[in-house]
Amino acid sequence: MKRRGKSQRLKAGVCALAILWAASMAVPRLQAQTDAVRDPGEDTDTGHVAKIQNQDSAFSLVLEAYRQFQSYIIQHDYEAQLAAARQLPDRFARWEAIALAKKERQLRVNRLGTRLLELSATYGYARRQEEQADGVNAPSAVDPADASEKLHDFVVIAPDPQSGNAARSIPVTTLLGGRHAAPETSR
């Protein structure tokens, strides 16, 4: 059973990398859209602002993909632990295993929240450095809710195990089990 769990995590990890790759590919597309809309007579400050805001959008997508994927793994592990705990014959052992599973889940969710805050702070610092280097002050375009909506339109291209070399497309919502609420980081 443990081996199958590692296999599922590996598959999920590959899917997460595909999602992150797709999100990173959105940056040049956003840049191309901005360049197409930009007036040739426009000053370079506006171009720098657009570049920084495109990076904000890409960061939002990557951060949201990471959050959703990690939330999915945490929830999947929690449900597996509860199912295993329900199989215990001793009532006290079952109760203790369920309590430990709940505590582990909460700790993992809190750790995820901390990681997300650290990543956001690191990006914010790098963003300020870029603003200073470019000599502009760009309003932030980091929007996790918008990134979540965009992410649900993504499709992962994966090998089809039944047909050998053929590929199939899998909606991200299938991989992540539908929409996931933001993890509760306070308690």
Protein backbone atom coordinates (compact mmCIF):
# COMPACT_ATOMS: atom_id res chain seq x y z
CA MET A 1 0.00 0.00 0.00
CA LYS A 2 2.86 2.35 0.81
CA ARG A 3 4.39 1.79 -2.62
CA ARG A 4 1.13 2.68 -4.36
CA GLY A 5 0.94 5.91 -2.36
CA LYS A 6 4.42 6.90 -3.54
CA SER A 7 3.41 6.16 -7.11
CA GLN A 8 0.34 8.36 -6.77
CA ARG A 9 2.44 11.16 -5.27
CA LEU A 10 4.93 10.84 -8.12
CA LYS A 11 2.14 11.11 -10.67
CA ALA A 12 0.68 14.05 -8.78
CA GLY A 13 4.11 15.68 -8.65
CA VAL A 14 4.52 15.31 -12.40
CA CYS A 15 1.10 16.87 -12.89
CA ALA A 16 2.02 19.73 -10.57
CA LEU A 17 5.19 20.37 -12.53
CA ALA A 18 3.13 20.40 -15.72
CA ILE A 19 0.80 22.96 -14.15
CA LEU A 20 3.70 25.12 -13.03
CA TRP A 21 5.28 24.87 -16.48
CA ALA A 22 2.00 25.91 -18.08
CA ALA A 23 1.78 28.85 -15.69
CA SER A 24 5.32 29.93 -16.56
CA MET A 25 4.44 29.71 -20.25
CA ALA A 26 1.66 32.23 -19.64
CA VAL A 27 4.22 35.00 -18.99
CA PRO A 28 5.48 35.31 -22.60
CA ARG A 29 1.88 35.15 -23.83
CA LEU A 30 0.89 37.95 -21.44
CA GLN A 31 3.96 39.93 -22.52
CA ALA A 32 3.05 39.46 -26.19
CA GLN A 33 -0.51 40.65 -25.49
CA THR A 34 0.83 43.71 -23.69
CA ASP A 35 3.29 44.45 -26.51
CA ALA A 36 0.50 44.15 -29.08
CA VAL A 37 -1.70 46.62 -27.18
CA ARG A 38 1.12 49.04 -26.40
CA ASP A 39 1.24 52.19 -28.49
CA PRO A 40 4.61 52.61 -30.28
CA GLY A 41 4.84 56.18 -28.96
CA GLU A 42 4.31 55.05 -25.39
CA ASP A 43 7.05 55.82 -22.88
CA THR A 44 9.25 53.10 -21.42
CA ASP A 45 7.93 53.57 -17.87
CA THR A 46 4.57 52.16 -18.94
CA GLY A 47 6.39 49.23 -20.53
CA HIS A 48 8.25 48.56 -17.29
CA VAL A 49 5.01 48.74 -15.31
CA ALA A 50 3.32 46.30 -17.72
CA LYS A 51 6.28 43.91 -17.45
CA ILE A 52 6.14 43.95 -13.65
CA GLN A 53 2.36 43.43 -13.64
CA ASN A 54 2.74 40.49 -16.05
CA GLN A 55 5.25 38.99 -13.64
CA ASP A 56 2.71 39.56 -10.86
CA SER A 57 0.12 37.58 -12.84
CA ALA A 58 2.56 34.74 -13.48
CA PHE A 59 3.57 34.67 -9.81
CA SER A 60 -0.11 34.51 -8.83
CA LEU A 61 -0.63 31.49 -11.10
CA VAL A 62 2.42 29.64 -9.80
CA LEU A 63 1.59 30.39 -6.17
CA GLU A 64 -2.05 29.33 -6.59
CA ALA A 65 -1.06 26.12 -8.40
CA TYR A 66 1.32 25.32 -5.55
CA ARG A 67 -1.30 26.09 -2.91
CA GLN A 68 -3.99 23.98 -4.54
CA PHE A 69 -1.69 21.06 -5.21
CA GLN A 70 -0.32 21.03 -1.66
CA SER A 71 -3.84 21.38 -0.25
CA TYR A 72 -4.90 18.40 -2.34
CA ILE A 73 -2.00 16.28 -1.06
CA ILE A 74 -2.72 17.26 2.56
CA GLN A 75 -6.41 16.42 2.21
CA HIS A 76 -5.70 13.13 0.39
CA ASP A 77 -3.25 12.02 3.10
CA TYR A 78 -5.71 13.03 5.83
CA GLU A 79 -8.51 11.00 4.26
CA ALA A 80 -6.19 7.98 3.90
CA GLN A 81 -5.21 8.27 7.58
CA LEU A 82 -8.86 8.46 8.63
CA ALA A 83 -9.70 5.39 6.56
CA ALA A 84 -6.81 3.48 8.15
CA ALA A 85 -7.85 4.64 11.63
CA ARG A 86 -11.39 3.41 11.08
CA GLN A 87 -10.01 -0.09 10.52
CA LEU A 88 -8.41 -0.27 13.96
CA PRO A 89 -10.24 -2.74 16.22
CA ASP A 90 -9.46 -0.98 19.50
CA ARG A 91 -11.78 1.96 20.16
CA PHE A 92 -9.17 3.98 22.09
CA ALA A 93 -6.51 3.40 19.42
CA ARG A 94 -9.00 4.46 16.73
CA TRP A 95 -9.85 7.65 18.62
CA GLU A 96 -6.17 8.43 19.18
CA ALA A 97 -5.27 7.81 15.51
CA ILE A 98 -8.08 10.12 14.35
CA ALA A 99 -6.97 12.84 16.78
CA LEU A 100 -3.37 12.55 15.59
CA ALA A 101 -4.47 12.68 11.93
CA LYS A 102 -6.45 15.86 12.60
CA LYS A 103 -3.50 17.44 14.42
CA GLU A 104 -1.07 16.48 11.64
CA ARG A 105 -3.39 17.91 9.01
CA GLN A 106 -3.71 21.19 10.89
CA LEU A 107 0.06 21.43 11.33
CA ARG A 108 0.62 20.77 7.62
CA VAL A 109 -1.98 23.38 6.65
CA ASN A 110 -0.35 25.92 8.97
CA ARG A 111 3.08 25.10 7.51
CA LEU A 112 1.66 25.57 4.00
CA GLY A 113 0.26 28.96 5.00
CA THR A 114 3.67 29.95 6.35
CA ARG A 115 5.38 28.83 3.14
CA LEU A 116 2.94 30.83 1.05
CA LEU A 117 3.58 33.94 3.15
CA GLU A 118 7.36 33.43 2.84
CA LEU A 119 7.12 33.01 -0.95
CA SER A 120 4.96 36.13 -1.20
CA ALA A 121 7.37 38.15 0.93
CA THR A 122 10.33 36.98 -1.13
CA TYR A 123 8.57 37.87 -4.37
CA GLY A 124 7.56 41.25 -2.92
CA TYR A 125 11.19 42.01 -2.08
CA ALA A 126 12.39 41.01 -5.57
CA ARG A 127 9.58 43.05 -7.10
CA ARG A 128 10.56 46.17 -5.14
CA GLN A 129 14.16 45.71 -6.27
CA GLU A 130 13.03 45.53 -9.89
CA GLU A 131 10.84 48.61 -9.48
CA GLN A 132 13.81 50.52 -8.07
CA ALA A 133 16.09 49.34 -10.88
CA ASP A 134 13.51 50.38 -13.50
CA GLY A 135 12.70 53.63 -11.69
CA VAL A 136 8.95 53.00 -11.62
CA ASN A 137 6.25 52.40 -9.04
CA ALA A 138 3.83 49.76 -10.36
CA PRO A 139 0.59 48.90 -8.57
CA SER A 140 0.50 45.25 -7.58
CA ALA A 141 -1.36 42.87 -9.86
CA VAL A 142 -0.96 39.80 -7.62
CA ASP A 143 -4.50 38.40 -7.45
CA PRO A 144 -4.90 34.84 -6.08
CA ALA A 145 -8.64 34.74 -6.80
CA ASP A 146 -8.11 35.63 -10.46
CA ALA A 147 -5.24 33.14 -10.67
CA SER A 148 -7.51 30.43 -9.25
CA GLU A 149 -10.10 31.12 -11.94
CA LYS A 150 -7.46 31.05 -14.69
CA LEU A 151 -5.92 27.89 -13.27
CA HIS A 152 -9.20 26.01 -13.55
CA ASP A 153 -9.13 26.60 -17.31
CA PHE A 154 -5.75 24.86 -17.63
CA VAL A 155 -5.44 21.41 -19.15
CA VAL A 156 -2.59 18.98 -18.51
CA ILE A 157 -1.31 16.90 -21.42
CA ALA A 158 -0.36 13.44 -20.13
CA PRO A 159 0.45 10.07 -21.66
CA ASP A 160 -2.52 7.77 -22.10
CA PRO A 161 -1.68 4.43 -20.43
CA GLN A 162 -4.26 2.51 -22.48
CA SER A 163 -3.08 3.58 -25.92
CA GLY A 164 0.69 3.50 -25.43
CA ASN A 165 2.29 6.57 -26.96
CA ALA A 166 -0.84 8.67 -27.42
CA ALA A 167 -1.49 11.66 -25.20
CA ARG A 168 -4.66 12.81 -23.53
CA SER A 169 -5.71 16.07 -21.99
CA ILE A 170 -6.81 16.16 -18.38
CA PRO A 171 -8.58 19.18 -16.86
CA VAL A 172 -6.78 20.52 -13.81
CA THR A 173 -10.00 20.24 -11.82
CA THR A 174 -9.89 16.46 -12.34
CA LEU A 175 -6.36 16.26 -10.97
CA LEU A 176 -7.09 18.47 -8.00
CA GLY A 177 -10.52 17.03 -7.26
CA GLY A 178 -12.48 20.16 -8.12
CA ARG A 179 -12.22 23.53 -6.47
CA HIS A 180 -10.48 23.66 -3.13
CA ALA A 181 -11.04 26.36 -0.61
CA ALA A 182 -8.04 28.20 0.72
CA PRO A 183 -6.46 26.35 3.61
CA GLU A 184 -7.33 27.59 7.04
CA THR A 185 -4.09 28.90 8.50
CA SER A 186 -5.47 30.36 11.69
CA ARG A 187 -6.49 28.47 14.80
